[in-house]
Amino acid sequence: MYSYNIYTNHTNQMNCWLYTHLRAFGDFYRNEGGSPDLWSIAQNGYVYCEYDTYMGLTDYNHLRGMLGYEAVSMADHEYIIHMKDRVFRETGDFSDELLIEGSSGRLACAGYYTEPFSQDGQNGGDYVIVVSDAEIENNAKMRPYYTELVVDIAGEAPDGLKNEIDAVTMEFDGDNSCIGSDMVMVWAYDNLVRDNLVKEMKCMLLSMIFPLIYIGLVYLCVALTVLSIQQLGDSAKYRFRYNVLRQIGMGTREVARLVWRQLVLFYLCPALFAVVISGIIAGYVGGNFNFYTGVKTPSWLYFGISFLLFFGVYSIYFVVTYVGFLRNLEIEK
């Protein structure tokens, strides 16, 4: 169990920079000249706290240790920015556009860290600026903003633990109301229990994924059934032609191979169109899902898993049609 403070020096330059540069916000928080629209930020800026969020180096390293990350070090005149990997991949290094003032002058940026760090309003929203303990103690403008409590328990958290904690802490309310810029899945609760949230997230995703897969399989089966019936219906028409081929010297295996090629063409043409169209859609949706959630799963993997599932069904229909076609031609394999 570890308790620590998130601090602020009552500046909001980091918040303003993110509000005016992230793709998720567009031009909503900008004036016509491109400068920050401070009124809009003050009225609608719920993504980040009212002021920039800071953390002391000792607290930061303690949390890194609890998460299994290596400790970091820096000089008293430096600072570190820990932010979501998704955000950093979009912004890159923008420290030269910031002016982080310390108790003895401007602080220099010592680097960025992007490991998962609970930044949906807990350790800041999207980011937290890490400064030395001396800076926390000696900077007259630095004040505690809100307090966090983290607990690492042995084993898996019991179901409903979050609800029990909520019941105990419902009378307390802090000054933190930011949630970060994630737009697909955000848990902006006062109390978070990771094991409970993982189950909740899996149930939520399954409730969306299963109906979509079911609908897709229904459409696929209907289309393949129509295609198979059409091919089996035409097999009687082809019987005479294939018998002629056998009579002029083509063997049974050669005829079966020719039937295989014919069916491959009939099945391959619609499949290619489906793969191209669905691949483009899956890549676009998967890329945006990664962008807005910070998930690092390659976009092609979303399509790849679905492709294997549907290709398996496709193969079953193809094999059944092939066998039925040969039987209708009265060709023994």
Protein backbone atom coordinates (compact mmCIF):
# COMPACT_ATOMS: atom_id res chain seq x y z
CA MET A 1 0.00 0.00 0.00
CA TYR A 2 1.40 3.39 -0.98
CA SER A 3 -0.03 6.89 -0.74
CA TYR A 4 1.35 9.88 -2.64
CA ASN A 5 0.44 13.32 -3.92
CA ILE A 6 0.00 14.73 -7.40
CA TYR A 7 1.19 18.35 -7.36
CA THR A 8 0.54 21.51 -9.37
CA ASN A 9 2.17 24.91 -9.64
CA HIS A 10 -1.06 26.45 -10.99
CA THR A 11 0.15 26.66 -14.57
CA ASN A 12 -1.60 25.11 -17.56
CA GLN A 13 0.87 25.40 -20.43
CA MET A 14 1.15 21.62 -20.86
CA ASN A 15 -2.62 21.27 -20.94
CA CYS A 16 -2.96 24.11 -23.45
CA TRP A 17 -0.32 22.59 -25.72
CA LEU A 18 -2.07 19.22 -25.80
CA TYR A 19 -5.52 20.78 -26.27
CA THR A 20 -4.27 22.66 -29.31
CA HIS A 21 -2.04 20.01 -30.93
CA LEU A 22 -3.67 16.59 -30.54
CA ARG A 23 -5.61 15.31 -33.51
CA ALA A 24 -8.47 14.23 -31.24
CA PHE A 25 -9.34 17.88 -30.48
CA GLY A 26 -8.90 19.35 -33.94
CA ASP A 27 -9.31 23.14 -33.88
CA PHE A 28 -11.93 23.19 -31.14
CA TYR A 29 -9.61 24.77 -28.56
CA ARG A 30 -7.88 27.17 -30.94
CA ASN A 31 -8.62 30.76 -31.89
CA GLU A 32 -8.67 31.74 -35.55
CA GLY A 33 -4.99 32.65 -35.36
CA GLY A 34 -4.08 29.25 -33.92
CA SER A 35 -3.48 30.43 -30.34
CA PRO A 36 -5.11 28.56 -27.43
CA ASP A 37 -8.73 29.52 -26.78
CA LEU A 38 -8.43 29.81 -23.01
CA TRP A 39 -12.15 30.47 -22.55
CA SER A 40 -13.13 27.23 -24.33
CA ILE A 41 -10.50 25.31 -22.39
CA ALA A 42 -11.82 26.69 -19.10
CA GLN A 43 -15.45 25.99 -20.01
CA ASN A 44 -15.15 22.60 -21.72
CA GLY A 45 -11.72 21.31 -20.81
CA TYR A 46 -12.62 18.19 -18.84
CA VAL A 47 -10.02 15.98 -20.51
CA TYR A 48 -7.20 17.42 -18.40
CA CYS A 49 -7.18 18.92 -14.95
CA GLU A 50 -7.51 22.67 -14.59
CA TYR A 51 -3.75 22.90 -13.97
CA ASP A 52 -0.69 20.93 -15.06
CA THR A 53 0.04 17.84 -12.99
CA TYR A 54 3.41 17.07 -11.37
CA MET A 55 4.89 14.16 -9.40
CA GLY A 56 7.98 13.81 -7.24
CA LEU A 57 10.80 11.53 -8.38
CA THR A 58 10.68 9.32 -5.27
CA ASP A 59 6.97 8.65 -5.70
CA TYR A 60 7.47 8.07 -9.40
CA ASN A 61 10.21 5.49 -8.88
CA HIS A 62 8.22 3.77 -6.15
CA LEU A 63 5.28 3.34 -8.52
CA ARG A 64 7.62 2.14 -11.26
CA GLY A 65 8.93 -0.47 -8.85
CA MET A 66 5.41 -1.66 -8.02
CA LEU A 67 4.74 -2.04 -11.75
CA GLY A 68 7.99 -3.88 -12.39
CA TYR A 69 9.71 -1.03 -14.27
CA GLU A 70 13.29 0.07 -13.70
CA ALA A 71 13.95 3.18 -11.61
CA VAL A 72 15.07 6.35 -13.39
CA SER A 73 17.32 9.19 -12.29
CA MET A 74 17.73 12.85 -13.19
CA ALA A 75 19.35 16.03 -11.89
CA ASP A 76 17.53 18.60 -9.75
CA HIS A 77 17.40 21.03 -12.68
CA GLU A 78 15.69 18.48 -14.98
CA TYR A 79 12.23 17.01 -15.44
CA ILE A 80 10.73 13.93 -17.07
CA ILE A 81 7.45 13.65 -18.96
CA HIS A 82 5.62 10.36 -18.55
CA MET A 83 2.77 10.13 -21.02
CA LYS A 84 0.69 7.57 -22.86
CA ASP A 85 2.49 5.88 -25.70
CA ARG A 86 -0.42 6.71 -28.01
CA VAL A 87 -0.07 10.42 -27.30
CA PHE A 88 3.72 10.44 -27.59
CA ARG A 89 3.61 8.65 -30.94
CA GLU A 90 1.49 11.54 -32.18
CA THR A 91 3.34 14.45 -30.56
CA GLY A 92 6.97 13.37 -30.50
CA ASP A 93 9.38 15.47 -28.47
CA PHE A 94 7.85 18.92 -27.93
CA SER A 95 9.85 19.93 -24.84
CA ASP A 96 11.39 22.86 -26.71
CA GLU A 97 7.92 24.41 -26.83
CA LEU A 98 7.46 24.20 -23.05
CA LEU A 99 8.83 26.48 -20.36
CA ILE A 100 8.89 24.48 -17.12
CA GLU A 101 10.01 26.87 -14.42
CA GLY A 102 11.70 25.55 -11.31
CA SER A 103 12.68 27.21 -8.08
CA SER A 104 16.04 28.22 -9.58
CA GLY A 105 15.11 28.85 -13.20
CA ARG A 106 14.07 26.88 -16.24
CA LEU A 107 14.20 23.08 -16.00
CA ALA A 108 15.63 20.95 -18.80
CA CYS A 109 13.83 17.92 -20.18
CA ALA A 110 15.57 14.65 -19.28
CA GLY A 111 13.41 12.49 -21.54
CA TYR A 112 10.07 10.79 -22.02
CA TYR A 113 8.69 7.51 -20.67
CA THR A 114 5.62 5.83 -22.12
CA GLU A 115 5.00 2.62 -20.15
CA PRO A 116 1.38 2.01 -19.04
CA PHE A 117 0.99 4.19 -15.95
CA SER A 118 -2.71 4.62 -15.13
CA GLN A 119 -3.14 8.05 -16.73
CA ASP A 120 -6.90 8.38 -17.14
CA GLY A 121 -7.12 10.88 -14.33
CA GLN A 122 -5.06 9.03 -11.72
CA ASN A 123 -1.40 9.82 -12.43
CA GLY A 124 -2.49 12.80 -14.46
CA GLY A 125 -4.58 12.75 -17.60
CA ASP A 126 -2.48 11.47 -20.53
CA TYR A 127 0.69 12.80 -18.85
CA VAL A 128 2.45 13.71 -15.64
CA ILE A 129 5.55 15.89 -15.26
CA VAL A 130 8.10 14.30 -12.93
CA VAL A 131 10.44 16.65 -11.05
CA SER A 132 13.01 16.11 -8.33
CA ASP A 133 12.01 15.89 -4.68
CA ALA A 134 14.06 19.03 -4.03
CA GLU A 135 11.92 20.87 -6.57
CA ILE A 136 8.75 19.72 -4.84
CA GLU A 137 10.06 20.91 -1.47
CA ASN A 138 11.73 24.17 -2.51
CA ASN A 139 9.36 25.52 -5.15
CA ALA A 140 7.02 27.92 -3.36
CA LYS A 141 4.41 27.58 -6.13
CA MET A 142 4.21 23.80 -5.92
CA ARG A 143 1.18 22.62 -3.95
CA PRO A 144 -0.49 19.21 -3.48
CA TYR A 145 -3.27 18.88 -6.06
CA TYR A 146 -4.87 15.57 -5.09
CA THR A 147 -3.86 12.36 -3.35
CA GLU A 148 -3.77 8.83 -4.72
CA LEU A 149 -3.62 5.50 -2.92
CA VAL A 150 -2.36 2.37 -4.69
CA VAL A 151 -2.49 -1.18 -3.36
CA ASP A 152 -0.87 -4.29 -4.77
CA ILE A 153 -2.54 -7.38 -3.29
CA ALA A 154 -1.46 -11.01 -3.44
CA GLY A 155 -3.41 -13.06 -5.95
CA GLU A 156 -6.50 -11.92 -7.85
CA ALA A 157 -8.88 -9.30 -6.50
CA PRO A 158 -12.28 -10.75 -5.51
CA ASP A 159 -15.31 -9.88 -7.62
CA GLY A 160 -17.16 -6.81 -6.41
CA LEU A 161 -14.16 -5.34 -4.57
CA LYS A 162 -14.55 -2.06 -6.43
CA ASN A 163 -18.18 -1.73 -5.28
CA GLU A 164 -17.16 -2.34 -1.69
CA ILE A 165 -14.47 0.35 -1.91
CA ASP A 166 -16.94 2.76 -3.51
CA ALA A 167 -19.34 2.25 -0.63
CA VAL A 168 -16.63 3.12 1.88
CA THR A 169 -15.24 6.16 0.05
CA MET A 170 -18.42 7.65 -1.44
CA GLU A 171 -18.37 10.55 1.04
CA PHE A 172 -14.94 11.70 -0.14
CA ASP A 173 -14.52 13.87 -3.21
CA GLY A 174 -11.26 15.32 -4.50
CA ASP A 175 -10.35 18.11 -6.90
CA ASN A 176 -9.42 15.79 -9.76
CA SER A 177 -11.95 15.48 -12.57
CA CYS A 178 -9.83 14.79 -15.67
CA ILE A 179 -10.17 11.58 -17.69
CA GLY A 180 -7.50 11.82 -20.41
CA SER A 181 -8.10 11.91 -24.15
CA ASP A 182 -8.96 8.24 -24.80
CA MET A 183 -12.28 8.13 -26.65
CA VAL A 184 -13.21 4.47 -27.10
CA MET A 185 -12.80 2.91 -23.66
CA VAL A 186 -12.28 5.10 -20.60
CA TRP A 187 -12.75 4.19 -16.94
CA ALA A 188 -12.84 7.49 -15.07
CA TYR A 189 -13.82 6.06 -11.69
CA ASP A 190 -12.72 7.34 -8.31
CA ASN A 191 -11.68 3.79 -7.40
CA LEU A 192 -10.17 1.34 -9.86
CA VAL A 193 -9.64 -2.39 -9.30
CA ARG A 194 -7.71 -3.79 -12.23
CA ASP A 195 -8.91 -7.39 -11.97
CA ASN A 196 -12.54 -6.27 -11.80
CA LEU A 197 -12.09 -3.90 -14.74
CA VAL A 198 -10.45 -6.56 -16.92
CA LYS A 199 -13.50 -8.82 -16.51
CA GLU A 200 -15.85 -5.92 -17.14
CA MET A 201 -13.92 -4.95 -20.27
CA LYS A 202 -13.92 -8.51 -21.63
CA CYS A 203 -17.68 -8.83 -21.09
CA MET A 204 -18.30 -5.51 -22.81
CA LEU A 205 -16.12 -6.37 -25.80
CA LEU A 206 -17.63 -9.85 -26.07
CA SER A 207 -21.13 -8.37 -26.13
CA MET A 208 -20.11 -6.40 -29.23
CA ILE A 209 -17.84 -8.92 -30.93
CA PHE A 210 -20.10 -12.00 -30.72
CA PRO A 211 -23.17 -10.47 -32.47
CA LEU A 212 -20.95 -9.05 -35.23
CA ILE A 213 -19.23 -12.41 -35.81
CA TYR A 214 -22.60 -14.18 -35.76
CA ILE A 215 -24.09 -11.80 -38.32
CA GLY A 216 -21.00 -12.12 -40.50
CA LEU A 217 -21.14 -15.92 -40.41
CA VAL A 218 -24.85 -15.90 -41.28
CA TYR A 219 -24.25 -13.75 -44.35
CA LEU A 220 -21.24 -15.88 -45.32
CA CYS A 221 -23.19 -19.13 -45.03
CA VAL A 222 -26.10 -17.73 -47.07
CA ALA A 223 -23.75 -16.54 -49.82
CA LEU A 224 -21.80 -19.80 -49.91
CA THR A 225 -24.97 -21.87 -49.90
CA VAL A 226 -26.26 -20.00 -52.96
CA LEU A 227 -22.89 -20.40 -54.69
CA SER A 228 -22.68 -24.11 -53.85
CA ILE A 229 -26.21 -24.83 -55.03
CA GLN A 230 -25.53 -22.98 -58.27
CA GLN A 231 -22.37 -24.99 -58.89
CA LEU A 232 -23.98 -28.33 -58.02
CA GLY A 233 -26.93 -27.45 -60.23
CA ASP A 234 -24.58 -26.79 -63.14
CA SER A 235 -22.70 -30.04 -62.57
CA ALA A 236 -25.37 -32.01 -64.46
CA LYS A 237 -24.89 -29.68 -67.43
CA TYR A 238 -21.15 -30.27 -67.32
CA ARG A 239 -21.49 -34.07 -67.13
CA PHE A 240 -21.62 -34.57 -70.89
CA ARG A 241 -18.63 -32.29 -71.48
CA TYR A 242 -16.46 -34.04 -68.92
CA ASN A 243 -17.48 -37.44 -70.30
CA VAL A 244 -16.30 -36.28 -73.71
CA LEU A 245 -12.96 -35.28 -72.18
CA ARG A 246 -12.61 -38.75 -70.67
CA GLN A 247 -13.47 -40.40 -73.96
CA ILE A 248 -10.69 -38.52 -75.78
CA GLY A 249 -8.10 -39.69 -73.31
CA MET A 250 -8.26 -37.47 -70.18
CA GLY A 251 -7.88 -39.56 -67.07
CA THR A 252 -10.03 -39.48 -63.95
CA ARG A 253 -7.41 -37.60 -61.95
CA GLU A 254 -7.01 -35.04 -64.71
CA VAL A 255 -10.76 -34.46 -64.87
CA ALA A 256 -10.91 -34.14 -61.08
CA ARG A 257 -8.03 -31.66 -61.23
CA LEU A 258 -9.89 -29.67 -63.89
CA VAL A 259 -13.02 -29.59 -61.71
CA TRP A 260 -10.86 -28.38 -58.82
CA ARG A 261 -9.53 -25.51 -60.89
CA GLN A 262 -13.01 -24.60 -62.09
CA LEU A 263 -14.40 -24.44 -58.57
CA VAL A 264 -11.36 -22.55 -57.31
CA LEU A 265 -12.03 -19.83 -59.87
CA PHE A 266 -15.70 -19.64 -58.98
CA TYR A 267 -14.95 -19.44 -55.27
CA LEU A 268 -11.80 -17.34 -55.53
CA CYS A 269 -13.28 -14.38 -57.41
CA PRO A 270 -15.86 -13.36 -54.78
CA ALA A 271 -13.37 -14.17 -52.01
CA LEU A 272 -10.76 -11.79 -53.44
CA PHE A 273 -13.24 -8.93 -53.56
CA ALA A 274 -14.31 -9.68 -49.99
CA VAL A 275 -10.72 -9.85 -48.73
CA VAL A 276 -9.76 -6.55 -50.35
CA ILE A 277 -12.84 -4.62 -49.21
CA SER A 278 -13.00 -6.04 -45.69
CA GLY A 279 -9.22 -5.76 -45.32
CA ILE A 280 -9.34 -2.03 -46.07
CA ILE A 281 -12.23 -1.51 -43.64
CA ALA A 282 -10.63 -3.64 -40.91
CA GLY A 283 -7.31 -1.84 -41.32
CA TYR A 284 -8.95 1.57 -41.06
CA VAL A 285 -11.16 0.67 -38.08
CA GLY A 286 -8.34 -1.23 -36.34
CA GLY A 287 -5.93 1.65 -36.84
CA ASN A 288 -8.37 4.13 -35.34
CA PHE A 289 -9.11 1.74 -32.47
CA ASN A 290 -5.39 1.59 -31.72
CA PHE A 291 -5.06 5.36 -32.01
CA TYR A 292 -7.89 6.23 -29.64
CA THR A 293 -7.18 3.50 -27.08
CA GLY A 294 -3.40 3.22 -27.19
CA VAL A 295 -3.52 -0.52 -27.89
CA LYS A 296 -0.38 -1.68 -29.68
CA THR A 297 -1.88 -4.67 -31.49
CA PRO A 298 -0.99 -4.47 -35.22
CA SER A 299 -4.02 -3.47 -37.31
CA TRP A 300 -3.55 -6.43 -39.64
CA LEU A 301 -3.98 -8.84 -36.73
CA TYR A 302 -7.63 -7.85 -36.27
CA PHE A 303 -8.32 -8.78 -39.88
CA GLY A 304 -6.02 -11.81 -39.81
CA ILE A 305 -7.89 -13.58 -37.00
CA SER A 306 -11.26 -12.93 -38.63
CA PHE A 307 -9.92 -14.05 -41.99
CA LEU A 308 -8.80 -17.40 -40.56
CA LEU A 309 -12.22 -17.97 -39.00
CA PHE A 310 -14.17 -17.16 -42.15
CA PHE A 311 -11.68 -18.93 -44.40
CA GLY A 312 -12.24 -22.09 -42.37
CA VAL A 313 -15.98 -21.92 -43.08
CA TYR A 314 -15.23 -21.07 -46.70
CA SER A 315 -13.01 -24.14 -47.03
CA ILE A 316 -15.69 -26.46 -45.65
CA TYR A 317 -18.22 -25.24 -48.22
CA PHE A 318 -15.63 -25.56 -50.98
CA VAL A 319 -14.72 -29.15 -50.09
CA VAL A 320 -18.37 -30.20 -49.80
CA THR A 321 -19.17 -28.61 -53.15
CA TYR A 322 -16.15 -30.24 -54.77
CA VAL A 323 -17.10 -33.71 -53.52
CA GLY A 324 -20.73 -33.23 -54.57
CA PHE A 325 -19.66 -31.96 -57.99
CA LEU A 326 -17.55 -35.07 -58.61
CA ARG A 327 -20.36 -37.35 -57.53
CA ASN A 328 -22.75 -35.62 -59.91
CA LEU A 329 -20.22 -36.22 -62.68
CA GLU A 330 -20.01 -39.86 -61.60
CA ILE A 331 -16.23 -39.57 -61.27
CA GLU A 332 -14.59 -41.84 -58.75
CA LYS A 333 -11.61 -40.24 -56.98
